[in-house]
Each structure stands twice: as C-alpha cells, then as structure tokens.
Amino acid sequence: METWTAAECAEAWGVRPGTWAGYVSRGQAPAPLPDTDPKRWSAAEVREFPRPGVGRSRAGARPEARSLLAEMEAVAERMEELRAEQRRLLVAGRDEGLEISPMAKALGISRQTAYSWLR
C-alpha cells in the first residue's frame, strides 16, 4: 500500500502543509494511518477523499479529472475565439451604420457589453 507524509498529502491537494494539518484536525481530510510515526496517510484514501474548497484544482486528481480539465480549457479557448469574432462583427456592423440594440441582440450580448467593446 502506498503511503504519503503530510507534506506529500498537502502537495497532492495543492495546499500548504499547515492547511493540510488544519483539514485533518477538523475532519476535512482522512485521518492518518494508525501506528505510524511520523504520521502517514493512505495515498489512495487521500486521492479519493472529497476535498474542501470546491472548485480548486488538486494535483492528485485522477487521470479522468485531468482529462476533463483539459477539455474545459479547450472549450474556454474556443469561446475566446468566438468572443473575438463577436467583437470583429460588432465593429464591422458599427462601420456599416447598424444600431447597437439589434447588433447586441444578434450577437447574444447586452447593449452594455457592445458599448464597452466598441470603446
């Protein structure tokens, strides 16, 4: 069975060792294995334990979770490309004399966003 020190557990969760110790003391992390000195934790149990601080990355996440994060990053990149295209179309519409309201509606953005993009 693979075991980790407190420092290794903290690194896997992406936190400082003091934060890890706080989680353990509050029952927000697995308890150390019995009869270990210095204290050690089951690596598998640390990986599987639902970590507090929802939304934070965890270095010890399973490969499936890392794959999901990579997919999210790819979507975010495509969205940024689409936002750039929206801005280009908005400027082109302004240059053609279109009004803000119909352009914002067509682009699926608010008028305030359209105005801010045209500054």
C-alpha atoms as a PDB file:
ATOM      1  CA  MET A   1       0.000   0.000   0.000  1.00  0.00           C
ATOM      2  CA  GLU A   2       1.339   3.409  -0.994  1.00  0.00           C
ATOM      3  CA  THR A   3       1.560   5.863   1.906  1.00  0.00           C
ATOM      4  CA  TRP A   4       2.284   9.589   1.995  1.00  0.00           C
ATOM      5  CA  THR A   5       3.712  12.014   4.508  1.00  0.00           C
ATOM      6  CA  ALA A   6       1.745  15.120   5.466  1.00  0.00           C
ATOM      7  CA  ALA A   7       3.868  17.142   3.026  1.00  0.00           C
ATOM      8  CA  GLU A   8       3.066  14.731   0.191  1.00  0.00           C
ATOM      9  CA  CYS A   9      -0.653  14.858   1.045  1.00  0.00           C
ATOM     10  CA  ALA A  10      -0.562  18.650   1.031  1.00  0.00           C
ATOM     11  CA  GLU A  11       1.219  18.661  -2.322  1.00  0.00           C
ATOM     12  CA  ALA A  12      -1.343  16.248  -3.803  1.00  0.00           C
ATOM     13  CA  TRP A  13      -4.173  18.531  -2.701  1.00  0.00           C
ATOM     14  CA  GLY A  14      -2.374  21.659  -3.859  1.00  0.00           C
ATOM     15  CA  VAL A  15      -2.272  23.227  -0.380  1.00  0.00           C
ATOM     16  CA  ARG A  16       0.381  24.167   2.158  1.00  0.00           C
ATOM     17  CA  PRO A  17       1.289  21.652   4.874  1.00  0.00           C
ATOM     18  CA  GLY A  18      -0.328  23.893   7.516  1.00  0.00           C
ATOM     19  CA  THR A  19      -3.583  23.879   5.559  1.00  0.00           C
ATOM     20  CA  TRP A  20      -3.399  20.084   5.322  1.00  0.00           C
ATOM     21  CA  ALA A  21      -2.912  19.850   9.092  1.00  0.00           C
ATOM     22  CA  GLY A  22      -5.955  22.075   9.606  1.00  0.00           C
ATOM     23  CA  TYR A  23      -8.077  19.894   7.333  1.00  0.00           C
ATOM     24  CA  VAL A  24      -7.000  16.774   9.244  1.00  0.00           C
ATOM     25  CA  SER A  25      -7.708  18.334  12.652  1.00  0.00           C
ATOM     26  CA  ARG A  26     -11.215  19.392  11.536  1.00  0.00           C
ATOM     27  CA  GLY A  27     -12.007  16.019   9.965  1.00  0.00           C
ATOM     28  CA  GLN A  28     -11.969  17.532   6.462  1.00  0.00           C
ATOM     29  CA  ALA A  29      -9.234  15.122   5.342  1.00  0.00           C
ATOM     30  CA  PRO A  30      -8.531  11.460   6.015  1.00  0.00           C
ATOM     31  CA  ALA A  31      -7.125  10.511   9.387  1.00  0.00           C
ATOM     32  CA  PRO A  32      -3.533   9.287   9.448  1.00  0.00           C
ATOM     33  CA  LEU A  33      -2.904   5.572   9.446  1.00  0.00           C
ATOM     34  CA  PRO A  34      -2.716   4.061  12.936  1.00  0.00           C
ATOM     35  CA  ASP A  35       0.650   3.275  14.472  1.00  0.00           C
ATOM     36  CA  THR A  36       2.757   5.407  12.118  1.00  0.00           C
ATOM     37  CA  ASP A  37       5.441   7.727  13.434  1.00  0.00           C
ATOM     38  CA  PRO A  38       5.858  10.117  11.800  1.00  0.00           C
ATOM     39  CA  LYS A  39       2.240  10.134  10.676  1.00  0.00           C
ATOM     40  CA  ARG A  40       1.460   8.699   7.238  1.00  0.00           C
ATOM     41  CA  TRP A  41      -1.705   8.534   5.142  1.00  0.00           C
ATOM     42  CA  SER A  42      -3.024   6.080   2.596  1.00  0.00           C
ATOM     43  CA  ALA A  43      -2.336   7.701  -0.784  1.00  0.00           C
ATOM     44  CA  ALA A  44      -5.465   6.085  -2.262  1.00  0.00           C
ATOM     45  CA  GLU A  45      -7.626   7.404   0.569  1.00  0.00           C
ATOM     46  CA  VAL A  46      -6.213  10.926   0.155  1.00  0.00           C
ATOM     47  CA  ARG A  47      -6.889  10.818  -3.614  1.00  0.00           C
ATOM     48  CA  GLU A  48     -10.490   9.680  -3.110  1.00  0.00           C
ATOM     49  CA  PHE A  49     -11.432  11.872  -0.144  1.00  0.00           C
ATOM     50  CA  PRO A  50     -13.795  14.766  -1.068  1.00  0.00           C
ATOM     51  CA  ARG A  51     -11.578  17.773  -0.532  1.00  0.00           C
ATOM     52  CA  PRO A  52     -12.948  21.006   0.948  1.00  0.00           C
ATOM     53  CA  GLY A  53     -12.589  24.168  -1.110  1.00  0.00           C
ATOM     54  CA  VAL A  54     -14.757  23.138  -4.017  1.00  0.00           C
ATOM     55  CA  GLY A  55     -13.538  24.326  -7.383  1.00  0.00           C
ATOM     56  CA  ARG A  56      -9.852  24.186  -6.627  1.00  0.00           C
ATOM     57  CA  SER A  57      -7.509  22.054  -8.652  1.00  0.00           C
ATOM     58  CA  ARG A  58      -5.902  19.088  -6.999  1.00  0.00           C
ATOM     59  CA  ALA A  59      -2.607  17.695  -8.195  1.00  0.00           C
ATOM     60  CA  GLY A  60      -3.650  14.215  -7.010  1.00  0.00           C
ATOM     61  CA  ALA A  61      -6.809  14.143  -9.134  1.00  0.00           C
ATOM     62  CA  ARG A  62      -7.461  11.005 -11.159  1.00  0.00           C
ATOM     63  CA  PRO A  63      -6.480  10.981 -14.856  1.00  0.00           C
ATOM     64  CA  GLU A  64     -10.163  11.253 -15.817  1.00  0.00           C
ATOM     65  CA  ALA A  65     -10.430  14.528 -13.898  1.00  0.00           C
ATOM     66  CA  ARG A  66      -7.288  15.870 -15.552  1.00  0.00           C
ATOM     67  CA  SER A  67      -8.747  14.941 -18.941  1.00  0.00           C
ATOM     68  CA  LEU A  68     -11.939  16.786 -18.064  1.00  0.00           C
ATOM     69  CA  LEU A  69      -9.933  19.877 -17.098  1.00  0.00           C
ATOM     70  CA  ALA A  70      -8.107  19.729 -20.442  1.00  0.00           C
ATOM     71  CA  GLU A  71     -11.462  19.555 -22.226  1.00  0.00           C
ATOM     72  CA  MET A  72     -12.692  22.572 -20.240  1.00  0.00           C
ATOM     73  CA  GLU A  73      -9.582  24.513 -21.235  1.00  0.00           C
ATOM     74  CA  ALA A  74     -10.185  23.674 -24.901  1.00  0.00           C
ATOM     75  CA  VAL A  75     -13.780  24.918 -24.664  1.00  0.00           C
ATOM     76  CA  ALA A  76     -12.626  28.124 -22.971  1.00  0.00           C
ATOM     77  CA  GLU A  77     -10.117  28.687 -25.777  1.00  0.00           C
ATOM     78  CA  ARG A  78     -12.829  28.221 -28.424  1.00  0.00           C
ATOM     79  CA  MET A  79     -15.093  30.614 -26.512  1.00  0.00           C
ATOM     80  CA  GLU A  80     -12.344  33.248 -26.534  1.00  0.00           C
ATOM     81  CA  GLU A  81     -12.022  32.811 -30.296  1.00  0.00           C
ATOM     82  CA  LEU A  82     -15.795  33.249 -30.664  1.00  0.00           C
ATOM     83  CA  ARG A  83     -15.735  36.375 -28.462  1.00  0.00           C
ATOM     84  CA  ALA A  84     -13.053  37.829 -30.726  1.00  0.00           C
ATOM     85  CA  GLU A  85     -15.268  37.069 -33.731  1.00  0.00           C
ATOM     86  CA  GLN A  86     -18.242  38.741 -31.997  1.00  0.00           C
ATOM     87  CA  ARG A  87     -16.141  41.854 -31.447  1.00  0.00           C
ATOM     88  CA  ARG A  88     -14.982  41.868 -35.074  1.00  0.00           C
ATOM     89  CA  LEU A  89     -18.575  41.590 -36.287  1.00  0.00           C
ATOM     90  CA  LEU A  90     -19.682  44.333 -33.902  1.00  0.00           C
ATOM     91  CA  VAL A  91     -17.046  46.737 -35.248  1.00  0.00           C
ATOM     92  CA  ALA A  92     -17.987  45.812 -38.812  1.00  0.00           C
ATOM     93  CA  GLY A  93     -21.644  46.458 -38.002  1.00  0.00           C
ATOM     94  CA  ARG A  94     -20.826  49.845 -36.495  1.00  0.00           C
ATOM     95  CA  ASP A  95     -18.806  50.724 -39.596  1.00  0.00           C
ATOM     96  CA  GLU A  96     -21.844  49.804 -41.719  1.00  0.00           C
ATOM     97  CA  GLY A  97     -24.050  52.089 -39.626  1.00  0.00           C
ATOM     98  CA  LEU A  98     -26.017  49.439 -37.710  1.00  0.00           C
ATOM     99  CA  GLU A  99     -27.522  50.374 -34.366  1.00  0.00           C
ATOM    100  CA  ILE A 100     -26.273  48.901 -31.093  1.00  0.00           C
ATOM    101  CA  SER A 101     -29.511  47.204 -29.968  1.00  0.00           C
ATOM    102  CA  PRO A 102     -30.040  44.945 -32.991  1.00  0.00           C
ATOM    103  CA  MET A 103     -26.337  44.091 -33.146  1.00  0.00           C
ATOM    104  CA  ALA A 104     -26.236  43.188 -29.438  1.00  0.00           C
ATOM    105  CA  LYS A 105     -29.346  41.048 -29.843  1.00  0.00           C
ATOM    106  CA  ALA A 106     -27.933  39.280 -32.898  1.00  0.00           C
ATOM    107  CA  LEU A 107     -24.661  38.593 -31.085  1.00  0.00           C
ATOM    108  CA  GLY A 108     -26.388  37.437 -27.889  1.00  0.00           C
ATOM    109  CA  ILE A 109     -24.723  40.104 -25.747  1.00  0.00           C
ATOM    110  CA  SER A 110     -26.049  43.014 -23.729  1.00  0.00           C
ATOM    111  CA  ARG A 111     -26.034  46.549 -25.098  1.00  0.00           C
ATOM    112  CA  GLN A 112     -23.662  47.484 -22.277  1.00  0.00           C
ATOM    113  CA  THR A 113     -21.224  44.812 -23.409  1.00  0.00           C
ATOM    114  CA  ALA A 114     -21.499  46.028 -27.001  1.00  0.00           C
ATOM    115  CA  TYR A 115     -20.800  49.614 -25.947  1.00  0.00           C
ATOM    116  CA  SER A 116     -17.808  48.539 -23.851  1.00  0.00           C
ATOM    117  CA  TRP A 117     -16.367  46.508 -26.744  1.00  0.00           C
ATOM    118  CA  LEU A 118     -16.661  49.497 -29.068  1.00  0.00           C
ATOM    119  CA  ARG A 119     -14.704  51.866 -26.804  1.00  0.00           C
END
